[in-house]
Amino acid sequence: MLTIRKASNDKREAEWLQASFDVNMGWTKPPGYFAALLERQASAEISLLLALEDSTYLGHCHVLWRSDYPGFRERGIPEIQDLNVRPDLRRRGGGSALLDQAERLIAARAELAGIGFGLYADYGAAQRLYIRRGYLPDGRGLHYRGRPVAAGETCRVDDDLALYLVKRLRTDMR
């Protein structure tokens, strides 16, 4: 059974998440990644959400309450980040369930949710998912390492090249 819950701020949970991610995703996070996320959660910077299937790690994402991306930060738009679902357990609704919960958390505080994605094929499933869920480009174009990419500029296509999207969650805050 699929469940979504907020991560506990327990050191053992961080270790379990790190091990689960590293074993199941086909790539690894830097050592201490999840411990750092739980520290940020304890200081209310983020909310870390976990997707579990019968207590087995399925995936995670987090809500960054004060985005580093200027287009969101200036407008007070919380950003959903780091959505990951195990490749062997995809297409079971885990990613959508994580986004549903993240959007509920954001809607309690803000009118809009923000999200960004990389532009190469590894992000293809996420790109399609976000567009299907009603996210639209924020109109500020591509950004590389936090700054706008100017017309005619050359930049590296890697995880730091992103397009940012927004979705209206509430209409009562205009």
C-alpha atoms as a PDB file:
ATOM      1  CA  MET A   1       0.000   0.000   0.000  1.00  0.00           C
ATOM      2  CA  LEU A   2       1.313   3.431  -0.990  1.00  0.00           C
ATOM      3  CA  THR A   3       1.704   5.970   1.811  1.00  0.00           C
ATOM      4  CA  ILE A   4       3.122   9.487   1.852  1.00  0.00           C
ATOM      5  CA  ARG A   5       4.500  10.905   5.072  1.00  0.00           C
ATOM      6  CA  LYS A   6       6.771  13.627   6.311  1.00  0.00           C
ATOM      7  CA  ALA A   7      10.214  12.332   7.263  1.00  0.00           C
ATOM      8  CA  SER A   8      11.031  12.134  10.941  1.00  0.00           C
ATOM      9  CA  ASN A   9      14.033  14.076  12.177  1.00  0.00           C
ATOM     10  CA  ASP A  10      15.681  10.891  13.420  1.00  0.00           C
ATOM     11  CA  LYS A  11      19.303  10.131  12.539  1.00  0.00           C
ATOM     12  CA  ARG A  12      18.366   6.518  11.800  1.00  0.00           C
ATOM     13  CA  GLU A  13      15.817   7.711   9.242  1.00  0.00           C
ATOM     14  CA  ALA A  14      18.529   9.722   7.481  1.00  0.00           C
ATOM     15  CA  GLU A  15      20.790   6.664   7.364  1.00  0.00           C
ATOM     16  CA  TRP A  16      17.952   4.463   6.102  1.00  0.00           C
ATOM     17  CA  LEU A  17      17.044   7.008   3.402  1.00  0.00           C
ATOM     18  CA  GLN A  18      20.650   7.363   2.280  1.00  0.00           C
ATOM     19  CA  ALA A  19      21.081   3.591   2.013  1.00  0.00           C
ATOM     20  CA  SER A  20      17.685   3.057   0.345  1.00  0.00           C
ATOM     21  CA  PHE A  21      18.320   5.755  -2.233  1.00  0.00           C
ATOM     22  CA  ASP A  22      21.864   4.652  -3.002  1.00  0.00           C
ATOM     23  CA  VAL A  23      20.892   0.985  -3.432  1.00  0.00           C
ATOM     24  CA  ASN A  24      17.691   1.503  -5.435  1.00  0.00           C
ATOM     25  CA  MET A  25      18.074   4.553  -7.666  1.00  0.00           C
ATOM     26  CA  GLY A  26      20.980   3.559  -9.908  1.00  0.00           C
ATOM     27  CA  TRP A  27      22.995   6.569  -8.732  1.00  0.00           C
ATOM     28  CA  THR A  28      23.926   7.967  -5.352  1.00  0.00           C
ATOM     29  CA  LYS A  29      23.497  11.120  -3.318  1.00  0.00           C
ATOM     30  CA  PRO A  30      26.563  12.597  -1.608  1.00  0.00           C
ATOM     31  CA  PRO A  31      27.265  11.116   1.832  1.00  0.00           C
ATOM     32  CA  GLY A  32      25.213  12.914   4.463  1.00  0.00           C
ATOM     33  CA  TYR A  33      22.688  14.272   1.937  1.00  0.00           C
ATOM     34  CA  PHE A  34      19.623  13.071   3.813  1.00  0.00           C
ATOM     35  CA  ALA A  35      21.066  13.992   7.215  1.00  0.00           C
ATOM     36  CA  ALA A  36      21.486  17.544   5.884  1.00  0.00           C
ATOM     37  CA  LEU A  37      17.888  17.554   4.617  1.00  0.00           C
ATOM     38  CA  LEU A  38      16.617  16.492   8.033  1.00  0.00           C
ATOM     39  CA  GLU A  39      18.632  19.280   9.667  1.00  0.00           C
ATOM     40  CA  ARG A  40      17.044  21.758   7.260  1.00  0.00           C
ATOM     41  CA  GLN A  41      13.638  20.303   8.064  1.00  0.00           C
ATOM     42  CA  ALA A  42      14.289  20.682  11.804  1.00  0.00           C
ATOM     43  CA  SER A  43      14.966  24.388  11.193  1.00  0.00           C
ATOM     44  CA  ALA A  44      11.735  24.693   9.117  1.00  0.00           C
ATOM     45  CA  GLU A  45      13.562  25.493   5.848  1.00  0.00           C
ATOM     46  CA  ILE A  46      12.058  22.480   4.096  1.00  0.00           C
ATOM     47  CA  SER A  47       9.485  19.728   4.467  1.00  0.00           C
ATOM     48  CA  LEU A  48      10.828  16.345   3.359  1.00  0.00           C
ATOM     49  CA  LEU A  49       8.159  13.952   2.074  1.00  0.00           C
ATOM     50  CA  LEU A  50       8.597  10.220   1.649  1.00  0.00           C
ATOM     51  CA  ALA A  51       6.693   7.772  -0.533  1.00  0.00           C
ATOM     52  CA  LEU A  52       6.608   4.265   0.894  1.00  0.00           C
ATOM     53  CA  GLU A  53       5.101   1.086  -0.431  1.00  0.00           C
ATOM     54  CA  ASP A  54       4.516  -1.279   2.466  1.00  0.00           C
ATOM     55  CA  SER A  55       7.385   0.431   4.389  1.00  0.00           C
ATOM     56  CA  THR A  56       9.759   0.075   1.407  1.00  0.00           C
ATOM     57  CA  TYR A  57      11.341   3.294   0.078  1.00  0.00           C
ATOM     58  CA  LEU A  58       9.605   4.326  -3.144  1.00  0.00           C
ATOM     59  CA  GLY A  59      10.755   7.931  -3.449  1.00  0.00           C
ATOM     60  CA  HIS A  60      10.900  11.396  -1.944  1.00  0.00           C
ATOM     61  CA  CYS A  61      10.709  15.113  -2.614  1.00  0.00           C
ATOM     62  CA  HIS A  62      10.923  18.216  -0.497  1.00  0.00           C
ATOM     63  CA  VAL A  63       9.323  21.627  -0.346  1.00  0.00           C
ATOM     64  CA  LEU A  64      11.790  24.479  -0.018  1.00  0.00           C
ATOM     65  CA  TRP A  65       9.803  27.192   1.715  1.00  0.00           C
ATOM     66  CA  ARG A  66      12.104  30.046   0.628  1.00  0.00           C
ATOM     67  CA  SER A  67      13.410  29.220  -2.834  1.00  0.00           C
ATOM     68  CA  ASP A  68      16.940  30.035  -3.946  1.00  0.00           C
ATOM     69  CA  TYR A  69      15.626  30.783  -7.440  1.00  0.00           C
ATOM     70  CA  PRO A  70      15.072  34.570  -7.580  1.00  0.00           C
ATOM     71  CA  GLY A  71      11.899  34.265  -9.683  1.00  0.00           C
ATOM     72  CA  PHE A  72      10.249  32.313  -6.863  1.00  0.00           C
ATOM     73  CA  ARG A  73      11.932  33.929  -3.878  1.00  0.00           C
ATOM     74  CA  GLU A  74      10.895  37.454  -4.930  1.00  0.00           C
ATOM     75  CA  ARG A  75       7.260  36.339  -5.207  1.00  0.00           C
ATOM     76  CA  GLY A  76       7.184  34.139  -2.095  1.00  0.00           C
ATOM     77  CA  ILE A  77       6.623  30.963  -4.103  1.00  0.00           C
ATOM     78  CA  PRO A  78       7.671  27.746  -2.325  1.00  0.00           C
ATOM     79  CA  GLU A  79       9.568  25.331  -4.570  1.00  0.00           C
ATOM     80  CA  ILE A  80       9.141  21.576  -4.876  1.00  0.00           C
ATOM     81  CA  GLN A  81      12.581  20.039  -5.293  1.00  0.00           C
ATOM     82  CA  ASP A  82      14.342  16.732  -5.750  1.00  0.00           C
ATOM     83  CA  LEU A  83      11.383  14.581  -6.784  1.00  0.00           C
ATOM     84  CA  ASN A  84      12.772  11.068  -7.130  1.00  0.00           C
ATOM     85  CA  VAL A  85      10.968   7.761  -7.566  1.00  0.00           C
ATOM     86  CA  ARG A  86      12.704   4.403  -7.770  1.00  0.00           C
ATOM     87  CA  PRO A  87      12.991   3.396 -11.437  1.00  0.00           C
ATOM     88  CA  ASP A  88      11.763  -0.135 -10.732  1.00  0.00           C
ATOM     89  CA  LEU A  89       8.641   1.166  -8.950  1.00  0.00           C
ATOM     90  CA  ARG A  90       7.610   3.975 -11.308  1.00  0.00           C
ATOM     91  CA  ARG A  91       4.187   4.242 -12.942  1.00  0.00           C
ATOM     92  CA  ARG A  92       2.449   3.254  -9.676  1.00  0.00           C
ATOM     93  CA  GLY A  93       1.397   6.762  -8.668  1.00  0.00           C
ATOM     94  CA  GLY A  94       4.213   7.491  -6.227  1.00  0.00           C
ATOM     95  CA  GLY A  95       5.436  10.641  -7.972  1.00  0.00           C
ATOM     96  CA  SER A  96       1.915  12.019  -8.299  1.00  0.00           C
ATOM     97  CA  ALA A  97       1.151  11.192  -4.667  1.00  0.00           C
ATOM     98  CA  LEU A  98       4.300  13.023  -3.539  1.00  0.00           C
ATOM     99  CA  LEU A  99       3.324  16.042  -5.646  1.00  0.00           C
ATOM    100  CA  ASP A 100      -0.260  15.925  -4.311  1.00  0.00           C
ATOM    101  CA  GLN A 101       1.009  16.114  -0.733  1.00  0.00           C
ATOM    102  CA  ALA A 102       3.606  18.791  -1.518  1.00  0.00           C
ATOM    103  CA  GLU A 103       0.918  20.885  -3.208  1.00  0.00           C
ATOM    104  CA  ARG A 104      -1.398  20.485  -0.196  1.00  0.00           C
ATOM    105  CA  LEU A 105       1.349  21.707   2.133  1.00  0.00           C
ATOM    106  CA  ILE A 106       2.092  24.669  -0.122  1.00  0.00           C
ATOM    107  CA  ALA A 107      -1.584  25.569  -0.625  1.00  0.00           C
ATOM    108  CA  ALA A 108      -1.932  26.037   3.136  1.00  0.00           C
ATOM    109  CA  ARG A 109       0.615  28.882   2.904  1.00  0.00           C
ATOM    110  CA  ALA A 110       0.786  30.178  -0.661  1.00  0.00           C
ATOM    111  CA  GLU A 111      -1.188  30.688  -3.833  1.00  0.00           C
ATOM    112  CA  LEU A 112       1.444  29.294  -6.201  1.00  0.00           C
ATOM    113  CA  ALA A 113       3.794  26.315  -6.226  1.00  0.00           C
ATOM    114  CA  GLY A 114       7.054  26.368  -8.144  1.00  0.00           C
ATOM    115  CA  ILE A 115       9.153  23.597  -9.612  1.00  0.00           C
ATOM    116  CA  GLY A 116      12.152  23.401 -11.922  1.00  0.00           C
ATOM    117  CA  PHE A 117      13.591  20.713 -14.125  1.00  0.00           C
ATOM    118  CA  GLY A 118      16.653  19.932 -16.152  1.00  0.00           C
ATOM    119  CA  LEU A 119      16.465  19.964 -19.918  1.00  0.00           C
ATOM    120  CA  TYR A 120      18.075  16.733 -21.031  1.00  0.00           C
ATOM    121  CA  ALA A 121      16.467  13.311 -21.499  1.00  0.00           C
ATOM    122  CA  ASP A 122      17.008  12.097 -17.925  1.00  0.00           C
ATOM    123  CA  TYR A 123      14.356  14.641 -16.898  1.00  0.00           C
ATOM    124  CA  GLY A 124      11.865  13.606 -19.583  1.00  0.00           C
ATOM    125  CA  ALA A 125       9.438  11.781 -17.272  1.00  0.00           C
ATOM    126  CA  ALA A 126       9.427  14.708 -14.833  1.00  0.00           C
ATOM    127  CA  GLN A 127       8.926  17.229 -17.642  1.00  0.00           C
ATOM    128  CA  ARG A 128       5.850  15.371 -18.880  1.00  0.00           C
ATOM    129  CA  LEU A 129       4.470  14.848 -15.372  1.00  0.00           C
ATOM    130  CA  TYR A 130       4.718  18.524 -14.386  1.00  0.00           C
ATOM    131  CA  ILE A 131       3.084  19.744 -17.601  1.00  0.00           C
ATOM    132  CA  ARG A 132       0.261  17.179 -17.263  1.00  0.00           C
ATOM    133  CA  ARG A 133      -0.316  18.439 -13.705  1.00  0.00           C
ATOM    134  CA  GLY A 134      -0.816  22.014 -14.883  1.00  0.00           C
ATOM    135  CA  TYR A 135       2.612  23.561 -14.277  1.00  0.00           C
ATOM    136  CA  LEU A 136       3.481  26.300 -16.777  1.00  0.00           C
ATOM    137  CA  PRO A 137       6.772  28.098 -17.474  1.00  0.00           C
ATOM    138  CA  ASP A 138       7.210  31.137 -15.241  1.00  0.00           C
ATOM    139  CA  GLY A 139       8.185  33.256 -18.255  1.00  0.00           C
ATOM    140  CA  ARG A 140      11.762  33.995 -17.167  1.00  0.00           C
ATOM    141  CA  GLY A 141      13.443  31.588 -19.580  1.00  0.00           C
ATOM    142  CA  LEU A 142      16.304  29.215 -18.941  1.00  0.00           C
ATOM    143  CA  HIS A 143      18.606  29.616 -15.962  1.00  0.00           C
ATOM    144  CA  TYR A 144      22.076  28.207 -15.466  1.00  0.00           C
ATOM    145  CA  ARG A 145      23.420  28.018 -11.932  1.00  0.00           C
ATOM    146  CA  GLY A 146      20.813  30.497 -10.778  1.00  0.00           C
ATOM    147  CA  ARG A 147      21.244  33.162 -13.435  1.00  0.00           C
ATOM    148  CA  PRO A 148      19.307  33.805 -16.651  1.00  0.00           C
ATOM    149  CA  VAL A 149      20.739  32.494 -19.922  1.00  0.00           C
ATOM    150  CA  ALA A 150      20.903  35.336 -22.444  1.00  0.00           C
ATOM    151  CA  ALA A 151      19.957  34.943 -26.101  1.00  0.00           C
ATOM    152  CA  GLY A 152      22.946  33.646 -28.077  1.00  0.00           C
ATOM    153  CA  GLU A 153      24.815  32.562 -24.946  1.00  0.00           C
ATOM    154  CA  THR A 154      26.401  29.116 -24.837  1.00  0.00           C
ATOM    155  CA  CYS A 155      26.077  27.057 -21.681  1.00  0.00           C
ATOM    156  CA  ARG A 156      26.629  23.496 -20.566  1.00  0.00           C
ATOM    157  CA  VAL A 157      23.619  21.174 -20.589  1.00  0.00           C
ATOM    158  CA  ASP A 158      23.800  19.540 -17.160  1.00  0.00           C
ATOM    159  CA  ASP A 159      21.783  19.456 -13.938  1.00  0.00           C
ATOM    160  CA  ASP A 160      22.367  23.201 -13.456  1.00  0.00           C
ATOM    161  CA  LEU A 161      20.497  24.213 -16.639  1.00  0.00           C
ATOM    162  CA  ALA A 162      16.846  24.520 -15.652  1.00  0.00           C
ATOM    163  CA  LEU A 163      13.458  25.801 -16.679  1.00  0.00           C
ATOM    164  CA  TYR A 164      11.172  26.902 -13.850  1.00  0.00           C
ATOM    165  CA  LEU A 165       7.415  26.382 -13.781  1.00  0.00           C
ATOM    166  CA  VAL A 166       4.542  27.550 -11.597  1.00  0.00           C
ATOM    167  CA  LYS A 167       1.087  26.235 -10.793  1.00  0.00           C
ATOM    168  CA  ARG A 168      -1.754  28.166  -9.210  1.00  0.00           C
ATOM    169  CA  LEU A 169      -3.043  26.194  -6.248  1.00  0.00           C
ATOM    170  CA  ARG A 170      -5.404  28.781  -4.763  1.00  0.00           C
ATOM    171  CA  THR A 171      -7.367  31.687  -6.114  1.00  0.00           C
ATOM    172  CA  ASP A 172      -8.414  33.223  -2.786  1.00  0.00           C
ATOM    173  CA  MET A 173      -5.099  35.019  -2.159  1.00  0.00           C
ATOM    174  CA  ARG A 174      -5.108  37.490  -5.068  1.00  0.00           C
END
